[in-house]
Amino acid sequence: MENSLDYSKLGKRIKEQRLKKHLTQEKLGAIVDVNTSNISHIERATTQVSLPSLVKIANALDTSLDQLVCDSLNSIAEIYIEQDITNLLQGCTLDEKQIIRDIIIAAKKTLIEHR
């Protein structure tokens, strides 16, 4: 198992969280006290973000470090995905859950066919 951080996936997660918070790169940069260009470089993985900066970014985005790097932590990623699915099902009726199950079955079949 490789122990290196996937900076490309990290950058994509940071961008995804930033957009969810409706923040521009400029605004995030101001919050964490780094240049806008640094945020751009981090999101595009053209630079390696330092741990102190990553902590500031995670705090500014109201997220945890493990959520940002979970693509590099396979077991953690799987746990978060399963939690996300469970959370999405909360509040659904039995009929809605059956429809969602059918959609998942169809999607899985399509994925297998296109491998």
PDB file of N, CA and C in Angstrom:
ATOM      1  N   MET A   1       0.840  -1.177   0.000  1.00  0.00           N
ATOM      2  CA  MET A   1       0.000   0.000   0.000  1.00  0.00           C
ATOM      3  C   MET A   1       0.886   1.242   0.000  1.00  0.00           C
ATOM      4  N   GLU A   2       0.577   2.175  -0.865  1.00  0.00           N
ATOM      5  CA  GLU A   2       1.343   3.400  -0.978  1.00  0.00           C
ATOM      6  C   GLU A   2       0.972   4.342   0.155  1.00  0.00           C
ATOM      7  N   ASN A   3       1.960   4.999   0.735  1.00  0.00           N
ATOM      8  CA  ASN A   3       1.732   5.877   1.874  1.00  0.00           C
ATOM      9  C   ASN A   3       1.809   7.348   1.507  1.00  0.00           C
ATOM     10  N   SER A   4       1.743   7.693   0.240  1.00  0.00           N
ATOM     11  CA  SER A   4       1.851   9.094  -0.149  1.00  0.00           C
ATOM     12  C   SER A   4       0.460   9.721  -0.303  1.00  0.00           C
ATOM     13  N   LEU A   5       0.433  11.015  -0.126  1.00  0.00           N
ATOM     14  CA  LEU A   5      -0.801  11.779  -0.231  1.00  0.00           C
ATOM     15  C   LEU A   5      -1.081  12.080  -1.693  1.00  0.00           C
ATOM     16  N   ASP A   6      -2.299  11.855  -2.121  1.00  0.00           N
ATOM     17  CA  ASP A   6      -2.700  12.155  -3.492  1.00  0.00           C
ATOM     18  C   ASP A   6      -3.126  13.624  -3.543  1.00  0.00           C
ATOM     19  N   TYR A   7      -2.199  14.494  -3.937  1.00  0.00           N
ATOM     20  CA  TYR A   7      -2.453  15.931  -3.928  1.00  0.00           C
ATOM     21  C   TYR A   7      -3.518  16.341  -4.947  1.00  0.00           C
ATOM     22  N   SER A   8      -3.641  15.593  -6.007  1.00  0.00           N
ATOM     23  CA  SER A   8      -4.667  15.894  -6.998  1.00  0.00           C
ATOM     24  C   SER A   8      -6.069  15.708  -6.406  1.00  0.00           C
ATOM     25  N   LYS A   9      -6.275  14.593  -5.739  1.00  0.00           N
ATOM     26  CA  LYS A   9      -7.575  14.341  -5.109  1.00  0.00           C
ATOM     27  C   LYS A   9      -7.808  15.291  -3.946  1.00  0.00           C
ATOM     28  N   LEU A  10      -6.759  15.598  -3.207  1.00  0.00           N
ATOM     29  CA  LEU A  10      -6.868  16.561  -2.117  1.00  0.00           C
ATOM     30  C   LEU A  10      -7.336  17.906  -2.654  1.00  0.00           C
ATOM     31  N   GLY A  11      -6.716  18.361  -3.726  1.00  0.00           N
ATOM     32  CA  GLY A  11      -7.095  19.638  -4.334  1.00  0.00           C
ATOM     33  C   GLY A  11      -8.539  19.646  -4.804  1.00  0.00           C
ATOM     34  N   LYS A  12      -8.970  18.532  -5.387  1.00  0.00           N
ATOM     35  CA  LYS A  12     -10.357  18.433  -5.846  1.00  0.00           C
ATOM     36  C   LYS A  12     -11.324  18.483  -4.670  1.00  0.00           C
ATOM     37  N   ARG A  13     -10.975  17.829  -3.573  1.00  0.00           N
ATOM     38  CA  ARG A  13     -11.840  17.864  -2.381  1.00  0.00           C
ATOM     39  C   ARG A  13     -11.897  19.259  -1.774  1.00  0.00           C
ATOM     40  N   ILE A  14     -10.763  19.937  -1.740  1.00  0.00           N
ATOM     41  CA  ILE A  14     -10.752  21.305  -1.224  1.00  0.00           C
ATOM     42  C   ILE A  14     -11.644  22.187  -2.087  1.00  0.00           C
ATOM     43  N   LYS A  15     -11.499  22.078  -3.388  1.00  0.00           N
ATOM     44  CA  LYS A  15     -12.330  22.879  -4.293  1.00  0.00           C
ATOM     45  C   LYS A  15     -13.803  22.550  -4.105  1.00  0.00           C
ATOM     46  N   GLU A  16     -14.119  21.276  -4.001  1.00  0.00           N
ATOM     47  CA  GLU A  16     -15.500  20.840  -3.810  1.00  0.00           C
ATOM     48  C   GLU A  16     -16.082  21.436  -2.519  1.00  0.00           C
ATOM     49  N   GLN A  17     -15.325  21.365  -1.437  1.00  0.00           N
ATOM     50  CA  GLN A  17     -15.789  21.919  -0.160  1.00  0.00           C
ATOM     51  C   GLN A  17     -15.899  23.442  -0.228  1.00  0.00           C
ATOM     52  N   ARG A  18     -14.952  24.074  -0.919  1.00  0.00           N
ATOM     53  CA  ARG A  18     -14.982  25.534  -1.070  1.00  0.00           C
ATOM     54  C   ARG A  18     -16.233  25.973  -1.808  1.00  0.00           C
ATOM     55  N   LEU A  19     -16.554  25.259  -2.880  1.00  0.00           N
ATOM     56  CA  LEU A  19     -17.743  25.604  -3.661  1.00  0.00           C
ATOM     57  C   LEU A  19     -19.025  25.345  -2.872  1.00  0.00           C
ATOM     58  N   LYS A  20     -19.041  24.287  -2.070  1.00  0.00           N
ATOM     59  CA  LYS A  20     -20.204  24.019  -1.216  1.00  0.00           C
ATOM     60  C   LYS A  20     -20.434  25.160  -0.233  1.00  0.00           C
ATOM     61  N   LYS A  21     -19.344  25.793   0.204  1.00  0.00           N
ATOM     62  CA  LYS A  21     -19.445  26.906   1.151  1.00  0.00           C
ATOM     63  C   LYS A  21     -19.644  28.238   0.427  1.00  0.00           C
ATOM     64  N   HIS A  22     -19.750  28.176  -0.903  1.00  0.00           N
ATOM     65  CA  HIS A  22     -19.946  29.375  -1.739  1.00  0.00           C
ATOM     66  C   HIS A  22     -18.817  30.389  -1.535  1.00  0.00           C
ATOM     67  N   LEU A  23     -17.599  29.874  -1.472  1.00  0.00           N
ATOM     68  CA  LEU A  23     -16.427  30.723  -1.314  1.00  0.00           C
ATOM     69  C   LEU A  23     -15.643  30.776  -2.620  1.00  0.00           C
ATOM     70  N   THR A  24     -15.136  31.944  -2.933  1.00  0.00           N
ATOM     71  CA  THR A  24     -14.206  32.063  -4.052  1.00  0.00           C
ATOM     72  C   THR A  24     -12.816  31.695  -3.549  1.00  0.00           C
ATOM     73  N   GLN A  25     -11.901  31.498  -4.485  1.00  0.00           N
ATOM     74  CA  GLN A  25     -10.521  31.250  -4.086  1.00  0.00           C
ATOM     75  C   GLN A  25      -9.968  32.460  -3.330  1.00  0.00           C
ATOM     76  N   GLU A  26     -10.374  33.654  -3.764  1.00  0.00           N
ATOM     77  CA  GLU A  26      -9.920  34.865  -3.107  1.00  0.00           C
ATOM     78  C   GLU A  26     -10.385  34.914  -1.645  1.00  0.00           C
ATOM     79  N   LYS A  27     -11.659  34.596  -1.423  1.00  0.00           N
ATOM     80  CA  LYS A  27     -12.218  34.642  -0.074  1.00  0.00           C
ATOM     81  C   LYS A  27     -11.559  33.587   0.827  1.00  0.00           C
ATOM     82  N   LEU A  28     -11.388  32.367   0.308  1.00  0.00           N
ATOM     83  CA  LEU A  28     -10.734  31.327   1.090  1.00  0.00           C
ATOM     84  C   LEU A  28      -9.298  31.732   1.407  1.00  0.00           C
ATOM     85  N   GLY A  29      -8.615  32.281   0.429  1.00  0.00           N
ATOM     86  CA  GLY A  29      -7.246  32.742   0.655  1.00  0.00           C
ATOM     87  C   GLY A  29      -7.179  33.797   1.745  1.00  0.00           C
ATOM     88  N   ALA A  30      -8.130  34.714   1.748  1.00  0.00           N
ATOM     89  CA  ALA A  30      -8.162  35.762   2.778  1.00  0.00           C
ATOM     90  C   ALA A  30      -8.420  35.162   4.159  1.00  0.00           C
ATOM     91  N   ILE A  31      -9.314  34.181   4.225  1.00  0.00           N
ATOM     92  CA  ILE A  31      -9.636  33.563   5.507  1.00  0.00           C
ATOM     93  C   ILE A  31      -8.431  32.837   6.086  1.00  0.00           C
ATOM     94  N   VAL A  32      -7.695  32.119   5.236  1.00  0.00           N
ATOM     95  CA  VAL A  32      -6.562  31.323   5.736  1.00  0.00           C
ATOM     96  C   VAL A  32      -5.227  32.061   5.615  1.00  0.00           C
ATOM     97  N   ASP A  33      -5.295  33.322   5.135  1.00  0.00           N
ATOM     98  CA  ASP A  33      -4.121  34.185   5.041  1.00  0.00           C
ATOM     99  C   ASP A  33      -3.052  33.637   4.102  1.00  0.00           C
ATOM    100  N   VAL A  34      -3.491  33.223   2.915  1.00  0.00           N
ATOM    101  CA  VAL A  34      -2.563  32.846   1.840  1.00  0.00           C
ATOM    102  C   VAL A  34      -3.011  33.538   0.563  1.00  0.00           C
ATOM    103  N   ASN A  35      -2.113  33.665  -0.374  1.00  0.00           N
ATOM    104  CA  ASN A  35      -2.440  34.288  -1.651  1.00  0.00           C
ATOM    105  C   ASN A  35      -3.461  33.461  -2.418  1.00  0.00           C
ATOM    106  N   THR A  36      -4.284  34.149  -3.192  1.00  0.00           N
ATOM    107  CA  THR A  36      -5.268  33.475  -4.034  1.00  0.00           C
ATOM    108  C   THR A  36      -4.590  32.470  -4.954  1.00  0.00           C
ATOM    109  N   SER A  37      -3.431  32.838  -5.478  1.00  0.00           N
ATOM    110  CA  SER A  37      -2.718  31.932  -6.384  1.00  0.00           C
ATOM    111  C   SER A  37      -2.325  30.646  -5.663  1.00  0.00           C
ATOM    112  N   ASN A  38      -2.038  30.725  -4.368  1.00  0.00           N
ATOM    113  CA  ASN A  38      -1.703  29.518  -3.611  1.00  0.00           C
ATOM    114  C   ASN A  38      -2.903  28.575  -3.538  1.00  0.00           C
ATOM    115  N   ILE A  39      -4.098  29.125  -3.326  1.00  0.00           N
ATOM    116  CA  ILE A  39      -5.310  28.299  -3.297  1.00  0.00           C
ATOM    117  C   ILE A  39      -5.488  27.627  -4.654  1.00  0.00           C
ATOM    118  N   SER A  40      -5.284  28.388  -5.718  1.00  0.00           N
ATOM    119  CA  SER A  40      -5.394  27.824  -7.062  1.00  0.00           C
ATOM    120  C   SER A  40      -4.400  26.689  -7.272  1.00  0.00           C
ATOM    121  N   HIS A  41      -3.156  26.909  -6.850  1.00  0.00           N
ATOM    122  CA  HIS A  41      -2.119  25.881  -7.001  1.00  0.00           C
ATOM    123  C   HIS A  41      -2.445  24.635  -6.175  1.00  0.00           C
ATOM    124  N   ILE A  42      -2.973  24.839  -4.983  1.00  0.00           N
ATOM    125  CA  ILE A  42      -3.345  23.703  -4.130  1.00  0.00           C
ATOM    126  C   ILE A  42      -4.459  22.903  -4.785  1.00  0.00           C
ATOM    127  N   GLU A  43      -5.486  23.596  -5.292  1.00  0.00           N
ATOM    128  CA  GLU A  43      -6.622  22.909  -5.918  1.00  0.00           C
ATOM    129  C   GLU A  43      -6.217  22.177  -7.191  1.00  0.00           C
ATOM    130  N   ARG A  44      -5.234  22.709  -7.910  1.00  0.00           N
ATOM    131  CA  ARG A  44      -4.784  22.062  -9.146  1.00  0.00           C
ATOM    132  C   ARG A  44      -3.624  21.108  -8.905  1.00  0.00           C
ATOM    133  N   ALA A  45      -3.198  20.998  -7.665  1.00  0.00           N
ATOM    134  CA  ALA A  45      -2.117  20.090  -7.261  1.00  0.00           C
ATOM    135  C   ALA A  45      -0.795  20.415  -7.941  1.00  0.00           C
ATOM    136  N   THR A  46      -0.569  21.693  -8.205  1.00  0.00           N
ATOM    137  CA  THR A  46       0.720  22.092  -8.765  1.00  0.00           C
ATOM    138  C   THR A  46       1.696  22.479  -7.667  1.00  0.00           C
ATOM    139  N   THR A  47       1.208  22.437  -6.424  1.00  0.00           N
ATOM    140  CA  THR A  47       2.060  22.653  -5.261  1.00  0.00           C
ATOM    141  C   THR A  47       1.580  21.734  -4.149  1.00  0.00           C
ATOM    142  N   GLN A  48       2.458  21.439  -3.226  1.00  0.00           N
ATOM    143  CA  GLN A  48       2.096  20.597  -2.094  1.00  0.00           C
ATOM    144  C   GLN A  48       1.791  21.497  -0.905  1.00  0.00           C
ATOM    145  N   VAL A  49       0.585  21.417  -0.422  1.00  0.00           N
ATOM    146  CA  VAL A  49       0.146  22.256   0.693  1.00  0.00           C
ATOM    147  C   VAL A  49       0.821  21.793   1.982  1.00  0.00           C
ATOM    148  N   SER A  50       1.214  22.755   2.805  1.00  0.00           N
ATOM    149  CA  SER A  50       1.823  22.414   4.095  1.00  0.00           C
ATOM    150  C   SER A  50       0.738  21.985   5.071  1.00  0.00           C
ATOM    151  N   LEU A  51       1.130  21.245   6.079  1.00  0.00           N
ATOM    152  CA  LEU A  51       0.170  20.805   7.086  1.00  0.00           C
ATOM    153  C   LEU A  51      -0.493  21.981   7.801  1.00  0.00           C
ATOM    154  N   PRO A  52       0.264  23.010   8.224  1.00  0.00           N
ATOM    155  CA  PRO A  52      -0.408  24.150   8.872  1.00  0.00           C
ATOM    156  C   PRO A  52      -1.437  24.827   7.959  1.00  0.00           C
ATOM    157  N   SER A  53      -1.111  24.972   6.686  1.00  0.00           N
ATOM    158  CA  SER A  53      -2.069  25.565   5.746  1.00  0.00           C
ATOM    159  C   SER A  53      -3.268  24.657   5.544  1.00  0.00           C
ATOM    160  N   LEU A  54      -3.031  23.359   5.478  1.00  0.00           N
ATOM    161  CA  LEU A  54      -4.131  22.413   5.298  1.00  0.00           C
ATOM    162  C   LEU A  54      -5.084  22.454   6.493  1.00  0.00           C
ATOM    163  N   VAL A  55      -4.536  22.593   7.689  1.00  0.00           N
ATOM    164  CA  VAL A  55      -5.377  22.703   8.891  1.00  0.00           C
ATOM    165  C   VAL A  55      -6.221  23.971   8.814  1.00  0.00           C
ATOM    166  N   LYS A  56      -5.611  25.090   8.421  1.00  0.00           N
ATOM    167  CA  LYS A  56      -6.358  26.350   8.284  1.00  0.00           C
ATOM    168  C   LYS A  56      -7.468  26.217   7.241  1.00  0.00           C
ATOM    169  N   ILE A  57      -7.165  25.566   6.130  1.00  0.00           N
ATOM    170  CA  ILE A  57      -8.156  25.381   5.067  1.00  0.00           C
ATOM    171  C   ILE A  57      -9.305  24.517   5.571  1.00  0.00           C
ATOM    172  N   ALA A  58      -8.985  23.415   6.230  1.00  0.00           N
ATOM    173  CA  ALA A  58     -10.028  22.532   6.759  1.00  0.00           C
ATOM    174  C   ALA A  58     -10.926  23.289   7.735  1.00  0.00           C
ATOM    175  N   ASN A  59     -10.328  24.075   8.616  1.00  0.00           N
ATOM    176  CA  ASN A  59     -11.116  24.859   9.572  1.00  0.00           C
ATOM    177  C   ASN A  59     -11.994  25.883   8.862  1.00  0.00           C
ATOM    178  N   ALA A  60     -11.444  26.552   7.862  1.00  0.00           N
ATOM    179  CA  ALA A  60     -12.206  27.558   7.123  1.00  0.00           C
ATOM    180  C   ALA A  60     -13.384  26.935   6.373  1.00  0.00           C
ATOM    181  N   LEU A  61     -13.217  25.680   5.963  1.00  0.00           N
ATOM    182  CA  LEU A  61     -14.264  24.988   5.205  1.00  0.00           C
ATOM    183  C   LEU A  61     -15.188  24.167   6.107  1.00  0.00           C
ATOM    184  N   ASP A  62     -14.980  24.271   7.425  1.00  0.00           N
ATOM    185  CA  ASP A  62     -15.786  23.501   8.386  1.00  0.00           C
ATOM    186  C   ASP A  62     -15.778  22.012   8.058  1.00  0.00           C
ATOM    187  N   THR A  63     -14.602  21.501   7.785  1.00  0.00           N
ATOM    188  CA  THR A  63     -14.453  20.087   7.473  1.00  0.00           C
ATOM    189  C   THR A  63     -13.255  19.547   8.248  1.00  0.00           C
ATOM    190  N   SER A  64     -13.081  18.255   8.203  1.00  0.00           N
ATOM    191  CA  SER A  64     -11.958  17.652   8.916  1.00  0.00           C
ATOM    192  C   SER A  64     -10.844  17.298   7.932  1.00  0.00           C
ATOM    193  N   LEU A  65      -9.653  17.161   8.483  1.00  0.00           N
ATOM    194  CA  LEU A  65      -8.519  16.766   7.643  1.00  0.00           C
ATOM    195  C   LEU A  65      -8.754  15.413   6.986  1.00  0.00           C
ATOM    196  N   ASP A  66      -9.316  14.473   7.761  1.00  0.00           N
ATOM    197  CA  ASP A  66      -9.504  13.146   7.183  1.00  0.00           C
ATOM    198  C   ASP A  66     -10.503  13.172   6.035  1.00  0.00           C
ATOM    199  N   GLN A  67     -11.475  14.083   6.069  1.00  0.00           N
ATOM    200  CA  GLN A  67     -12.392  14.174   4.932  1.00  0.00           C
ATOM    201  C   GLN A  67     -11.668  14.703   3.700  1.00  0.00           C
ATOM    202  N   LEU A  68     -10.715  15.593   3.900  1.00  0.00           N
ATOM    203  CA  LEU A  68      -9.979  16.147   2.768  1.00  0.00           C
ATOM    204  C   LEU A  68      -8.986  15.149   2.186  1.00  0.00           C
ATOM    205  N   VAL A  69      -8.407  14.300   3.022  1.00  0.00           N
ATOM    206  CA  VAL A  69      -7.385  13.373   2.541  1.00  0.00           C
ATOM    207  C   VAL A  69      -7.881  11.938   2.451  1.00  0.00           C
ATOM    208  N   CYS A  70      -9.179  11.732   2.644  1.00  0.00           N
ATOM    209  CA  CYS A  70      -9.690  10.361   2.731  1.00  0.00           C
ATOM    210  C   CYS A  70      -9.440   9.546   1.464  1.00  0.00           C
ATOM    211  N   ASP A  71      -9.256  10.193   0.325  1.00  0.00           N
ATOM    212  CA  ASP A  71      -8.931   9.443  -0.884  1.00  0.00           C
ATOM    213  C   ASP A  71      -7.580   8.750  -0.746  1.00  0.00           C
ATOM    214  N   SER A  72      -6.740   9.285   0.117  1.00  0.00           N
ATOM    215  CA  SER A  72      -5.443   8.669   0.358  1.00  0.00           C
ATOM    216  C   SER A  72      -5.503   7.662   1.504  1.00  0.00           C
ATOM    217  N   LEU A  73      -6.633   7.621   2.175  1.00  0.00           N
ATOM    218  CA  LEU A  73      -6.840   6.693   3.286  1.00  0.00           C
ATOM    219  C   LEU A  73      -8.023   5.805   2.918  1.00  0.00           C
ATOM    220  N   ASN A  74      -7.751   4.726   2.209  1.00  0.00           N
ATOM    221  CA  ASN A  74      -8.818   3.912   1.635  1.00  0.00           C
ATOM    222  C   ASN A  74      -9.865   3.460   2.638  1.00  0.00           C
ATOM    223  N   SER A  75      -9.453   3.003   3.805  1.00  0.00           N
ATOM    224  CA  SER A  75     -10.433   2.520   4.768  1.00  0.00           C
ATOM    225  C   SER A  75     -11.306   3.654   5.281  1.00  0.00           C
ATOM    226  N   ILE A  76     -10.719   4.828   5.476  1.00  0.00           N
ATOM    227  CA  ILE A  76     -11.492   5.992   5.918  1.00  0.00           C
ATOM    228  C   ILE A  76     -12.460   6.414   4.814  1.00  0.00           C
ATOM    229  N   ALA A  77     -12.004   6.402   3.573  1.00  0.00           N
ATOM    230  CA  ALA A  77     -12.862   6.795   2.458  1.00  0.00           C
ATOM    231  C   ALA A  77     -14.087   5.906   2.393  1.00  0.00           C
ATOM    232  N   GLU A  78     -13.887   4.626   2.557  1.00  0.00           N
ATOM    233  CA  GLU A  78     -15.006   3.691   2.498  1.00  0.00           C
ATOM    234  C   GLU A  78     -16.009   3.966   3.621  1.00  0.00           C
ATOM    235  N   ILE A  79     -15.513   4.255   4.800  1.00  0.00           N
ATOM    236  CA  ILE A  79     -16.393   4.561   5.935  1.00  0.00           C
ATOM    237  C   ILE A  79     -17.208   5.815   5.645  1.00  0.00           C
ATOM    238  N   TYR A  80     -16.564   6.853   5.129  1.00  0.00           N
ATOM    239  CA  TYR A  80     -17.290   8.093   4.837  1.00  0.00           C
ATOM    240  C   TYR A  80     -18.334   7.898   3.741  1.00  0.00           C
ATOM    241  N   ILE A  81     -17.997   7.126   2.735  1.00  0.00           N
ATOM    242  CA  ILE A  81     -18.952   6.879   1.669  1.00  0.00           C
ATOM    243  C   ILE A  81     -20.167   6.135   2.202  1.00  0.00           C
ATOM    244  N   GLU A  82     -19.923   5.124   3.027  1.00  0.00           N
ATOM    245  CA  GLU A  82     -21.036   4.374   3.615  1.00  0.00           C
ATOM    246  C   GLU A  82     -21.873   5.267   4.526  1.00  0.00           C
ATOM    247  N   GLN A  83     -21.229   6.153   5.281  1.00  0.00           N
ATOM    248  CA  GLN A  83     -21.968   7.089   6.134  1.00  0.00           C
ATOM    249  C   GLN A  83     -22.788   8.053   5.288  1.00  0.00           C
ATOM    250  N   ASP A  84     -22.206   8.521   4.177  1.00  0.00           N
ATOM    251  CA  ASP A  84     -22.936   9.416   3.280  1.00  0.00           C
ATOM    252  C   ASP A  84     -24.189   8.743   2.739  1.00  0.00           C
ATOM    253  N   ILE A  85     -24.050   7.494   2.329  1.00  0.00           N
ATOM    254  CA  ILE A  85     -25.194   6.759   1.792  1.00  0.00           C
ATOM    255  C   ILE A  85     -26.257   6.578   2.874  1.00  0.00           C
ATOM    256  N   THR A  86     -25.843   6.212   4.067  1.00  0.00           N
ATOM    257  CA  THR A  86     -26.782   6.051   5.176  1.00  0.00           C
ATOM    258  C   THR A  86     -27.502   7.365   5.466  1.00  0.00           C
ATOM    259  N   ASN A  87     -26.762   8.465   5.483  1.00  0.00           N
ATOM    260  CA  ASN A  87     -27.368   9.769   5.740  1.00  0.00           C
ATOM    261  C   ASN A  87     -28.358  10.150   4.648  1.00  0.00           C
ATOM    262  N   LEU A  88     -28.047   9.814   3.410  1.00  0.00           N
ATOM    263  CA  LEU A  88     -28.954  10.119   2.311  1.00  0.00           C
ATOM    264  C   LEU A  88     -30.266   9.349   2.417  1.00  0.00           C
ATOM    265  N   LEU A  89     -30.216   8.176   3.020  1.00  0.00           N
ATOM    266  CA  LEU A  89     -31.420   7.355   3.153  1.00  0.00           C
ATOM    267  C   LEU A  89     -32.294   7.775   4.331  1.00  0.00           C
ATOM    268  N   GLN A  90     -31.736   8.535   5.250  1.00  0.00           N
ATOM    269  CA  GLN A  90     -32.521   8.960   6.411  1.00  0.00           C
ATOM    270  C   GLN A  90     -33.688   9.826   5.956  1.00  0.00           C
ATOM    271  N   GLY A  91     -34.826   9.541   6.498  1.00  0.00           N
ATOM    272  CA  GLY A  91     -36.021  10.310   6.162  1.00  0.00           C
ATOM    273  C   GLY A  91     -36.755   9.806   4.938  1.00  0.00           C
ATOM    274  N   CYS A  92     -36.201   8.811   4.264  1.00  0.00           N
ATOM    275  CA  CYS A  92     -36.860   8.237   3.089  1.00  0.00           C
ATOM    276  C   CYS A  92     -37.899   7.214   3.539  1.00  0.00           C
ATOM    277  N   THR A  93     -38.968   7.154   2.787  1.00  0.00           N
ATOM    278  CA  THR A  93     -39.967   6.122   3.051  1.00  0.00           C
ATOM    279  C   THR A  93     -39.442   4.791   2.532  1.00  0.00           C
ATOM    280  N   LEU A  94     -40.132   3.713   2.889  1.00  0.00           N
ATOM    281  CA  LEU A  94     -39.744   2.392   2.394  1.00  0.00           C
ATOM    282  C   LEU A  94     -39.793   2.359   0.870  1.00  0.00           C
ATOM    283  N   ASP A  95     -40.832   2.943   0.289  1.00  0.00           N
ATOM    284  CA  ASP A  95     -40.942   2.972  -1.174  1.00  0.00           C
ATOM    285  C   ASP A  95     -39.772   3.728  -1.798  1.00  0.00           C
ATOM    286  N   GLU A  96     -39.396   4.854  -1.201  1.00  0.00           N
ATOM    287  CA  GLU A  96     -38.270   5.627  -1.722  1.00  0.00           C
ATOM    288  C   GLU A  96     -36.965   4.840  -1.618  1.00  0.00           C
ATOM    289  N   LYS A  97     -36.789   4.130  -0.508  1.00  0.00           N
ATOM    290  CA  LYS A  97     -35.581   3.312  -0.337  1.00  0.00           C
ATOM    291  C   LYS A  97     -35.522   2.197  -1.368  1.00  0.00           C
ATOM    292  N   GLN A  98     -36.664   1.617  -1.700  1.00  0.00           N
ATOM    293  CA  GLN A  98     -36.693   0.559  -2.714  1.00  0.00           C
ATOM    294  C   GLN A  98     -36.339   1.117  -4.082  1.00  0.00           C
ATOM    295  N   ILE A  99     -36.816   2.314  -4.388  1.00  0.00           N
ATOM    296  CA  ILE A  99     -36.486   2.962  -5.664  1.00  0.00           C
ATOM    297  C   ILE A  99     -34.988   3.255  -5.725  1.00  0.00           C
ATOM    298  N   ILE A 100     -34.447   3.783  -4.628  1.00  0.00           N
ATOM    299  CA  ILE A 100     -33.012   4.082  -4.580  1.00  0.00           C
ATOM    300  C   ILE A 100     -32.200   2.803  -4.740  1.00  0.00           C
ATOM    301  N   ARG A 101     -32.634   1.717  -4.090  1.00  0.00           N
ATOM    302  CA  ARG A 101     -31.950   0.429  -4.237  1.00  0.00           C
ATOM    303  C   ARG A 101     -31.956  -0.008  -5.697  1.00  0.00           C
ATOM    304  N   ASP A 102     -33.114   0.129  -6.367  1.00  0.00           N
ATOM    305  CA  ASP A 102     -33.203  -0.250  -7.777  1.00  0.00           C
ATOM    306  C   ASP A 102     -32.281   0.592  -8.651  1.00  0.00           C
ATOM    307  N   ILE A 103     -32.168   1.878  -8.328  1.00  0.00           N
ATOM    308  CA  ILE A 103     -31.267   2.760  -9.076  1.00  0.00           C
ATOM    309  C   ILE A 103     -29.819   2.324  -8.879  1.00  0.00           C
ATOM    310  N   ILE A 104     -29.459   1.985  -7.651  1.00  0.00           N
ATOM    311  CA  ILE A 104     -28.101   1.525  -7.364  1.00  0.00           C
ATOM    312  C   ILE A 104     -27.801   0.236  -8.118  1.00  0.00           C
ATOM    313  N   ILE A 105     -28.756  -0.686  -8.130  1.00  0.00           N
ATOM    314  CA  ILE A 105     -28.572  -1.951  -8.852  1.00  0.00           C
ATOM    315  C   ILE A 105     -28.332  -1.675 -10.336  1.00  0.00           C
ATOM    316  N   ALA A 106     -29.146  -0.786 -10.919  1.00  0.00           N
ATOM    317  CA  ALA A 106     -28.995  -0.456 -12.340  1.00  0.00           C
ATOM    318  C   ALA A 106     -27.651   0.236 -12.608  1.00  0.00           C
ATOM    319  N   ALA A 107     -27.258   1.154 -11.723  1.00  0.00           N
ATOM    320  CA  ALA A 107     -25.982   1.854 -11.891  1.00  0.00           C
ATOM    321  C   ALA A 107     -24.808   0.893 -11.781  1.00  0.00           C
ATOM    322  N   LYS A 108     -24.896  -0.007 -10.816  1.00  0.00           N
ATOM    323  CA  LYS A 108     -23.814  -0.990 -10.630  1.00  0.00           C
ATOM    324  C   LYS A 108     -23.690  -1.882 -11.864  1.00  0.00           C
ATOM    325  N   LYS A 109     -24.831  -2.302 -12.408  1.00  0.00           N
ATOM    326  CA  LYS A 109     -24.819  -3.140 -13.606  1.00  0.00           C
ATOM    327  C   LYS A 109     -24.167  -2.404 -14.781  1.00  0.00           C
ATOM    328  N   THR A 110     -24.504  -1.117 -14.934  1.00  0.00           N
ATOM    329  CA  THR A 110     -23.927  -0.316 -16.008  1.00  0.00           C
ATOM    330  C   THR A 110     -22.417  -0.152 -15.818  1.00  0.00           C
ATOM    331  N   LEU A 111     -21.996   0.080 -14.577  1.00  0.00           N
ATOM    332  CA  LEU A 111     -20.560   0.212 -14.304  1.00  0.00           C
ATOM    333  C   LEU A 111     -19.804  -1.051 -14.653  1.00  0.00           C
ATOM    334  N   ILE A 112     -20.377  -2.192 -14.279  1.00  0.00           N
ATOM    335  CA  ILE A 112     -19.735  -3.474 -14.561  1.00  0.00           C
ATOM    336  C   ILE A 112     -19.636  -3.707 -16.064  1.00  0.00           C
ATOM    337  N   GLU A 113     -20.680  -3.344 -16.790  1.00  0.00           N
ATOM    338  CA  GLU A 113     -20.687  -3.527 -18.247  1.00  0.00           C
ATOM    339  C   GLU A 113     -19.652  -2.642 -18.949  1.00  0.00           C
ATOM    340  N   HIS A 114     -19.316  -1.500 -18.351  1.00  0.00           N
ATOM    341  CA  HIS A 114     -18.414  -0.550 -18.998  1.00  0.00           C
ATOM    342  C   HIS A 114     -16.994  -0.592 -18.440  1.00  0.00           C
ATOM    343  N   ARG A 115     -16.659  -1.608 -17.692  1.00  0.00           N
ATOM    344  CA  ARG A 115     -15.286  -1.729 -17.174  1.00  0.00           C
ATOM    345  C   ARG A 115     -14.350  -2.136 -18.263  1.00  0.00           C
TER     346      ARG A 115
END
